[in-house]
Amino acid sequence: MEFPDPSGQKICFGILKKLIECWGQSQSVAGFMDYVYKTIIPSCFIVPMNSSFDLNDGHTFLALGEIAGVLKTLYQKRGEEFLQFLVNTYLPSINLSQDLTQLLLQAIQQADAKVLKNYLKVFFTQLRTIS
């Protein structure tokens, strides 16, 4: 997802969210969940961390809303499995602190997609200052 256009990113993440809604609960499509864990989840973090992703731009904020939707849908469909992947595999691979990890997990579990989108803006702004 290195397409720097926020409208294109919004569309891409929207499509990914729909695919997860359709295929995220079962193993009906061979290899789909493997793709989710290896590609889609990392994209939800890599794209907003890119310097071309302007967190203060309105169009980019809409794309961030779709990213929030992807993360929320993954939690709704995969539950604890998704959270454990974040805690044990992905977030340690990007050297995210335990404190930020716990705050992110709470937001994914408790917030609705709109609140999660607002949290992610703060989260990625903070991550950019740390890295």
N, C-alpha and C. Protein backbone atom coordinates (compact mmCIF):
# COMPACT_ATOMS: atom_id res chain seq x y z
N MET A 1 0.82 -1.19 0.00
CA MET A 1 0.00 0.00 0.00
C MET A 1 0.86 1.25 0.00
N GLU A 2 1.81 1.30 -0.87
CA GLU A 2 2.67 2.46 -0.94
C GLU A 2 2.14 3.46 -1.95
N PHE A 3 0.86 3.41 -2.20
CA PHE A 3 0.21 4.35 -3.08
C PHE A 3 -0.09 5.60 -2.25
N PRO A 4 0.60 6.73 -2.51
CA PRO A 4 0.52 7.88 -1.61
C PRO A 4 -0.77 8.69 -1.68
N ASP A 5 -1.69 8.34 -2.54
CA ASP A 5 -2.93 9.09 -2.67
C ASP A 5 -3.91 8.66 -1.59
N PRO A 6 -4.34 9.56 -0.70
CA PRO A 6 -5.24 9.18 0.39
C PRO A 6 -6.57 8.60 -0.10
N SER A 7 -7.07 9.09 -1.22
CA SER A 7 -8.33 8.54 -1.74
C SER A 7 -8.14 7.09 -2.17
N GLY A 8 -7.03 6.81 -2.82
CA GLY A 8 -6.71 5.44 -3.22
C GLY A 8 -6.51 4.54 -2.00
N GLN A 9 -5.83 5.07 -0.99
CA GLN A 9 -5.62 4.30 0.24
C GLN A 9 -6.95 4.00 0.92
N LYS A 10 -7.82 4.99 0.96
CA LYS A 10 -9.15 4.79 1.57
C LYS A 10 -9.89 3.67 0.85
N ILE A 11 -9.87 3.70 -0.46
CA ILE A 11 -10.55 2.67 -1.24
C ILE A 11 -9.93 1.29 -0.97
N CYS A 12 -8.60 1.22 -0.98
CA CYS A 12 -7.91 -0.06 -0.75
C CYS A 12 -8.26 -0.64 0.62
N PHE A 13 -8.16 0.18 1.66
CA PHE A 13 -8.47 -0.33 3.00
C PHE A 13 -9.97 -0.66 3.13
N GLY A 14 -10.82 0.08 2.43
CA GLY A 14 -12.25 -0.23 2.44
C GLY A 14 -12.52 -1.60 1.83
N ILE A 15 -11.85 -1.90 0.73
CA ILE A 15 -11.99 -3.21 0.09
C ILE A 15 -11.46 -4.32 1.01
N LEU A 16 -10.31 -4.07 1.62
CA LEU A 16 -9.75 -5.07 2.53
C LEU A 16 -10.70 -5.34 3.70
N LYS A 17 -11.32 -4.29 4.21
CA LYS A 17 -12.29 -4.45 5.30
C LYS A 17 -13.46 -5.34 4.86
N LYS A 18 -13.95 -5.10 3.65
CA LYS A 18 -15.07 -5.91 3.13
C LYS A 18 -14.66 -7.36 2.96
N LEU A 19 -13.45 -7.61 2.49
CA LEU A 19 -12.96 -8.98 2.34
C LEU A 19 -12.89 -9.67 3.71
N ILE A 20 -12.41 -8.94 4.70
CA ILE A 20 -12.33 -9.51 6.05
C ILE A 20 -13.73 -9.79 6.59
N GLU A 21 -14.66 -8.88 6.32
CA GLU A 21 -16.05 -9.11 6.76
C GLU A 21 -16.60 -10.40 6.15
N CYS A 22 -16.28 -10.64 4.88
CA CYS A 22 -16.81 -11.82 4.18
C CYS A 22 -16.07 -13.11 4.54
N TRP A 23 -14.75 -13.04 4.61
CA TRP A 23 -13.95 -14.26 4.74
C TRP A 23 -13.16 -14.35 6.03
N GLY A 24 -13.30 -13.40 6.92
CA GLY A 24 -12.48 -13.35 8.11
C GLY A 24 -12.82 -14.33 9.21
N GLN A 25 -13.97 -14.96 9.13
CA GLN A 25 -14.37 -15.83 10.23
C GLN A 25 -14.15 -17.31 9.92
N SER A 26 -14.08 -17.62 8.66
CA SER A 26 -13.94 -19.03 8.30
C SER A 26 -12.65 -19.24 7.53
N GLN A 27 -12.38 -20.47 7.23
CA GLN A 27 -11.22 -20.81 6.40
C GLN A 27 -11.67 -21.16 4.99
N SER A 28 -12.79 -20.54 4.54
CA SER A 28 -13.35 -20.89 3.24
C SER A 28 -12.44 -20.52 2.07
N VAL A 29 -11.63 -19.51 2.23
CA VAL A 29 -10.69 -19.13 1.18
C VAL A 29 -9.29 -19.49 1.67
N ALA A 30 -8.74 -20.51 1.05
CA ALA A 30 -7.43 -21.02 1.49
C ALA A 30 -6.38 -19.92 1.46
N GLY A 31 -5.68 -19.76 2.55
CA GLY A 31 -4.59 -18.82 2.64
C GLY A 31 -4.98 -17.38 2.93
N PHE A 32 -6.28 -17.10 3.00
CA PHE A 32 -6.68 -15.71 3.20
C PHE A 32 -6.21 -15.17 4.55
N MET A 33 -6.41 -15.91 5.63
CA MET A 33 -6.01 -15.41 6.94
C MET A 33 -4.49 -15.29 7.04
N ASP A 34 -3.79 -16.14 6.36
CA ASP A 34 -2.34 -16.01 6.31
C ASP A 34 -1.96 -14.67 5.66
N TYR A 35 -2.64 -14.33 4.59
CA TYR A 35 -2.43 -13.06 3.91
C TYR A 35 -2.77 -11.89 4.84
N VAL A 36 -3.86 -12.02 5.58
CA VAL A 36 -4.26 -10.98 6.52
C VAL A 36 -3.15 -10.72 7.53
N TYR A 37 -2.64 -11.79 8.13
CA TYR A 37 -1.64 -11.63 9.18
C TYR A 37 -0.27 -11.19 8.64
N LYS A 38 0.08 -11.62 7.46
CA LYS A 38 1.39 -11.29 6.91
C LYS A 38 1.44 -9.98 6.13
N THR A 39 0.28 -9.54 5.61
CA THR A 39 0.29 -8.38 4.72
C THR A 39 -0.65 -7.27 5.16
N ILE A 40 -1.90 -7.61 5.43
CA ILE A 40 -2.89 -6.56 5.72
C ILE A 40 -2.60 -5.88 7.06
N ILE A 41 -2.38 -6.65 8.11
CA ILE A 41 -2.12 -6.04 9.42
C ILE A 41 -0.87 -5.16 9.37
N PRO A 42 0.25 -5.65 8.83
CA PRO A 42 1.40 -4.73 8.74
C PRO A 42 1.09 -3.45 7.95
N SER A 43 0.30 -3.55 6.90
CA SER A 43 -0.06 -2.37 6.12
C SER A 43 -0.82 -1.34 6.94
N CYS A 44 -1.60 -1.82 7.91
CA CYS A 44 -2.36 -0.91 8.78
C CYS A 44 -1.45 -0.07 9.66
N PHE A 45 -0.21 -0.46 9.78
CA PHE A 45 0.76 0.30 10.58
C PHE A 45 1.79 0.99 9.70
N ILE A 46 2.22 0.33 8.63
CA ILE A 46 3.25 0.88 7.75
C ILE A 46 2.74 2.12 7.03
N VAL A 47 1.54 2.06 6.49
CA VAL A 47 1.00 3.18 5.73
C VAL A 47 0.90 4.45 6.58
N PRO A 48 0.28 4.40 7.76
CA PRO A 48 0.20 5.64 8.55
C PRO A 48 1.54 6.13 9.09
N MET A 49 2.53 5.26 9.15
CA MET A 49 3.84 5.69 9.63
C MET A 49 4.67 6.35 8.51
N ASN A 50 4.23 6.22 7.28
CA ASN A 50 4.93 6.82 6.16
C ASN A 50 4.81 8.34 6.22
N SER A 51 5.87 9.03 5.93
CA SER A 51 5.87 10.50 6.00
C SER A 51 4.90 11.14 5.01
N SER A 52 4.53 10.43 3.95
CA SER A 52 3.57 10.99 2.98
C SER A 52 2.13 10.89 3.48
N PHE A 53 1.91 10.16 4.57
CA PHE A 53 0.57 10.02 5.16
C PHE A 53 0.38 11.19 6.14
N ASP A 54 -0.24 12.25 5.65
CA ASP A 54 -0.41 13.49 6.43
C ASP A 54 -1.61 13.35 7.36
N LEU A 55 -1.33 13.12 8.63
CA LEU A 55 -2.40 12.88 9.61
C LEU A 55 -3.29 14.10 9.83
N ASN A 56 -2.89 15.25 9.35
CA ASN A 56 -3.71 16.46 9.51
C ASN A 56 -4.56 16.78 8.28
N ASP A 57 -4.41 15.97 7.23
CA ASP A 57 -5.18 16.17 6.00
C ASP A 57 -6.52 15.45 6.10
N GLY A 58 -7.58 16.11 5.68
CA GLY A 58 -8.92 15.54 5.77
C GLY A 58 -9.09 14.24 5.00
N HIS A 59 -8.55 14.17 3.80
CA HIS A 59 -8.66 12.95 2.99
C HIS A 59 -7.88 11.79 3.63
N THR A 60 -6.73 12.13 4.17
CA THR A 60 -5.93 11.12 4.84
C THR A 60 -6.63 10.61 6.09
N PHE A 61 -7.31 11.52 6.78
CA PHE A 61 -8.06 11.12 7.98
C PHE A 61 -9.16 10.13 7.62
N LEU A 62 -9.75 10.29 6.44
CA LEU A 62 -10.76 9.33 5.97
C LEU A 62 -10.11 7.96 5.73
N ALA A 63 -8.92 7.96 5.16
CA ALA A 63 -8.19 6.70 4.96
C ALA A 63 -7.88 6.06 6.31
N LEU A 64 -7.51 6.88 7.29
CA LEU A 64 -7.25 6.37 8.64
C LEU A 64 -8.50 5.74 9.22
N GLY A 65 -9.66 6.29 8.88
CA GLY A 65 -10.93 5.70 9.31
C GLY A 65 -11.13 4.30 8.76
N GLU A 66 -10.70 4.08 7.52
CA GLU A 66 -10.80 2.75 6.94
C GLU A 66 -9.81 1.79 7.61
N ILE A 67 -8.64 2.29 7.97
CA ILE A 67 -7.68 1.46 8.70
C ILE A 67 -8.27 1.06 10.05
N ALA A 68 -8.90 2.02 10.72
CA ALA A 68 -9.58 1.71 11.99
C ALA A 68 -10.65 0.65 11.77
N GLY A 69 -11.37 0.75 10.67
CA GLY A 69 -12.40 -0.23 10.34
C GLY A 69 -11.82 -1.62 10.12
N VAL A 70 -10.67 -1.69 9.47
CA VAL A 70 -9.99 -2.98 9.25
C VAL A 70 -9.62 -3.60 10.60
N LEU A 71 -9.00 -2.81 11.47
CA LEU A 71 -8.58 -3.34 12.78
C LEU A 71 -9.78 -3.75 13.62
N LYS A 72 -10.82 -2.95 13.60
CA LYS A 72 -12.04 -3.27 14.37
C LYS A 72 -12.71 -4.53 13.83
N THR A 73 -12.79 -4.65 12.52
CA THR A 73 -13.40 -5.83 11.90
C THR A 73 -12.59 -7.08 12.20
N LEU A 74 -11.28 -6.96 12.17
CA LEU A 74 -10.44 -8.11 12.52
C LEU A 74 -10.70 -8.55 13.96
N TYR A 75 -10.85 -7.59 14.85
CA TYR A 75 -11.15 -7.94 16.24
C TYR A 75 -12.52 -8.62 16.34
N GLN A 76 -13.50 -8.10 15.63
CA GLN A 76 -14.84 -8.67 15.68
C GLN A 76 -14.88 -10.09 15.10
N LYS A 77 -14.09 -10.33 14.06
CA LYS A 77 -14.10 -11.64 13.39
C LYS A 77 -13.17 -12.65 14.03
N ARG A 78 -12.00 -12.21 14.49
CA ARG A 78 -10.99 -13.16 14.98
C ARG A 78 -10.77 -13.10 16.49
N GLY A 79 -11.23 -12.02 17.13
CA GLY A 79 -11.17 -11.92 18.57
C GLY A 79 -9.78 -12.05 19.16
N GLU A 80 -9.69 -12.95 20.14
CA GLU A 80 -8.45 -13.13 20.89
C GLU A 80 -7.27 -13.54 20.00
N GLU A 81 -7.53 -14.29 18.96
CA GLU A 81 -6.46 -14.70 18.05
C GLU A 81 -5.77 -13.48 17.44
N PHE A 82 -6.56 -12.51 17.01
CA PHE A 82 -6.04 -11.27 16.44
C PHE A 82 -5.23 -10.49 17.49
N LEU A 83 -5.78 -10.35 18.68
CA LEU A 83 -5.09 -9.62 19.74
C LEU A 83 -3.76 -10.29 20.10
N GLN A 84 -3.77 -11.62 20.18
CA GLN A 84 -2.54 -12.34 20.51
C GLN A 84 -1.49 -12.18 19.41
N PHE A 85 -1.93 -12.14 18.17
CA PHE A 85 -0.99 -11.90 17.08
C PHE A 85 -0.33 -10.53 17.24
N LEU A 86 -1.14 -9.53 17.56
CA LEU A 86 -0.58 -8.19 17.76
C LEU A 86 0.42 -8.19 18.91
N VAL A 87 0.01 -8.76 20.06
CA VAL A 87 0.84 -8.72 21.27
C VAL A 87 2.11 -9.56 21.14
N ASN A 88 1.98 -10.74 20.59
CA ASN A 88 3.10 -11.69 20.58
C ASN A 88 3.97 -11.64 19.33
N THR A 89 3.42 -11.14 18.23
CA THR A 89 4.15 -11.21 16.97
C THR A 89 4.39 -9.84 16.34
N TYR A 90 3.31 -9.18 15.94
CA TYR A 90 3.52 -7.98 15.13
C TYR A 90 4.05 -6.78 15.91
N LEU A 91 3.40 -6.40 16.99
CA LEU A 91 3.81 -5.19 17.70
C LEU A 91 5.23 -5.29 18.26
N PRO A 92 5.65 -6.45 18.78
CA PRO A 92 7.06 -6.55 19.18
C PRO A 92 8.03 -6.40 17.99
N SER A 93 7.59 -6.81 16.80
CA SER A 93 8.46 -6.70 15.63
C SER A 93 8.72 -5.25 15.22
N ILE A 94 7.83 -4.34 15.65
CA ILE A 94 8.05 -2.91 15.37
C ILE A 94 8.50 -2.17 16.63
N ASN A 95 8.89 -2.95 17.64
CA ASN A 95 9.42 -2.40 18.89
C ASN A 95 8.46 -1.45 19.60
N LEU A 96 7.19 -1.79 19.60
CA LEU A 96 6.20 -0.98 20.31
C LEU A 96 6.27 -1.30 21.79
N SER A 97 6.28 -0.27 22.61
CA SER A 97 6.37 -0.46 24.06
C SER A 97 5.14 -1.18 24.60
N GLN A 98 5.28 -1.78 25.76
CA GLN A 98 4.16 -2.48 26.41
C GLN A 98 3.03 -1.50 26.70
N ASP A 99 3.37 -0.30 27.14
CA ASP A 99 2.33 0.70 27.46
C ASP A 99 1.51 1.06 26.23
N LEU A 100 2.19 1.37 25.13
CA LEU A 100 1.45 1.71 23.91
C LEU A 100 0.68 0.52 23.36
N THR A 101 1.25 -0.66 23.51
CA THR A 101 0.55 -1.88 23.07
C THR A 101 -0.76 -2.03 23.82
N GLN A 102 -0.71 -1.90 25.14
CA GLN A 102 -1.93 -2.05 25.95
C GLN A 102 -2.97 -0.99 25.61
N LEU A 103 -2.53 0.24 25.41
CA LEU A 103 -3.47 1.31 25.05
C LEU A 103 -4.12 1.03 23.69
N LEU A 104 -3.32 0.56 22.75
CA LEU A 104 -3.87 0.23 21.43
C LEU A 104 -4.88 -0.90 21.53
N LEU A 105 -4.54 -1.95 22.27
CA LEU A 105 -5.46 -3.08 22.41
C LEU A 105 -6.76 -2.65 23.07
N GLN A 106 -6.68 -1.80 24.08
CA GLN A 106 -7.90 -1.30 24.72
C GLN A 106 -8.76 -0.54 23.73
N ALA A 107 -8.14 0.31 22.93
CA ALA A 107 -8.88 1.08 21.94
C ALA A 107 -9.55 0.18 20.91
N ILE A 108 -8.83 -0.83 20.45
CA ILE A 108 -9.41 -1.76 19.47
C ILE A 108 -10.59 -2.50 20.07
N GLN A 109 -10.47 -2.92 21.31
CA GLN A 109 -11.52 -3.71 21.95
C GLN A 109 -12.73 -2.88 22.36
N GLN A 110 -12.49 -1.67 22.85
CA GLN A 110 -13.57 -0.93 23.50
C GLN A 110 -14.18 0.17 22.65
N ALA A 111 -13.42 0.77 21.79
CA ALA A 111 -13.92 1.92 21.04
C ALA A 111 -14.69 1.49 19.80
N ASP A 112 -15.65 2.34 19.41
CA ASP A 112 -16.26 2.10 18.11
C ASP A 112 -15.29 2.61 17.05
N ALA A 113 -15.60 2.35 15.79
CA ALA A 113 -14.66 2.67 14.70
C ALA A 113 -14.33 4.16 14.65
N LYS A 114 -15.30 5.03 14.93
CA LYS A 114 -15.06 6.48 14.87
C LYS A 114 -14.10 6.91 15.99
N VAL A 115 -14.32 6.42 17.18
CA VAL A 115 -13.44 6.74 18.31
C VAL A 115 -12.05 6.15 18.06
N LEU A 116 -12.02 4.93 17.52
CA LEU A 116 -10.75 4.28 17.21
C LEU A 116 -9.96 5.10 16.18
N LYS A 117 -10.65 5.65 15.20
CA LYS A 117 -9.99 6.49 14.19
C LYS A 117 -9.31 7.68 14.86
N ASN A 118 -10.01 8.34 15.77
CA ASN A 118 -9.44 9.48 16.49
C ASN A 118 -8.26 9.04 17.35
N TYR A 119 -8.38 7.89 17.99
CA TYR A 119 -7.28 7.38 18.79
C TYR A 119 -6.05 7.08 17.91
N LEU A 120 -6.29 6.48 16.74
CA LEU A 120 -5.18 6.14 15.86
C LEU A 120 -4.43 7.37 15.38
N LYS A 121 -5.13 8.47 15.20
CA LYS A 121 -4.44 9.71 14.80
C LYS A 121 -3.44 10.10 15.89
N VAL A 122 -3.86 10.07 17.13
CA VAL A 122 -2.97 10.39 18.26
C VAL A 122 -1.86 9.35 18.37
N PHE A 123 -2.22 8.08 18.23
CA PHE A 123 -1.28 6.97 18.34
C PHE A 123 -0.15 7.10 17.31
N PHE A 124 -0.51 7.31 16.04
CA PHE A 124 0.52 7.39 15.00
C PHE A 124 1.32 8.69 15.09
N THR A 125 0.69 9.75 15.54
CA THR A 125 1.44 11.00 15.77
C THR A 125 2.50 10.76 16.84
N GLN A 126 2.10 10.08 17.91
CA GLN A 126 3.04 9.77 18.99
C GLN A 126 4.14 8.83 18.50
N LEU A 127 3.79 7.81 17.73
CA LEU A 127 4.80 6.89 17.23
C LEU A 127 5.83 7.60 16.35
N ARG A 128 5.37 8.53 15.56
CA ARG A 128 6.29 9.26 14.68
C ARG A 128 7.31 10.07 15.50
N THR A 129 6.90 10.57 16.64
CA THR A 129 7.83 11.35 17.46
C THR A 129 8.83 10.45 18.17
N ILE A 130 8.43 9.21 18.43
CA ILE A 130 9.31 8.26 19.11
C ILE A 130 10.36 7.70 18.16
N SER A 131 9.94 7.39 16.92
CA SER A 131 10.86 6.73 15.99
C SER A 131 11.67 7.66 15.17
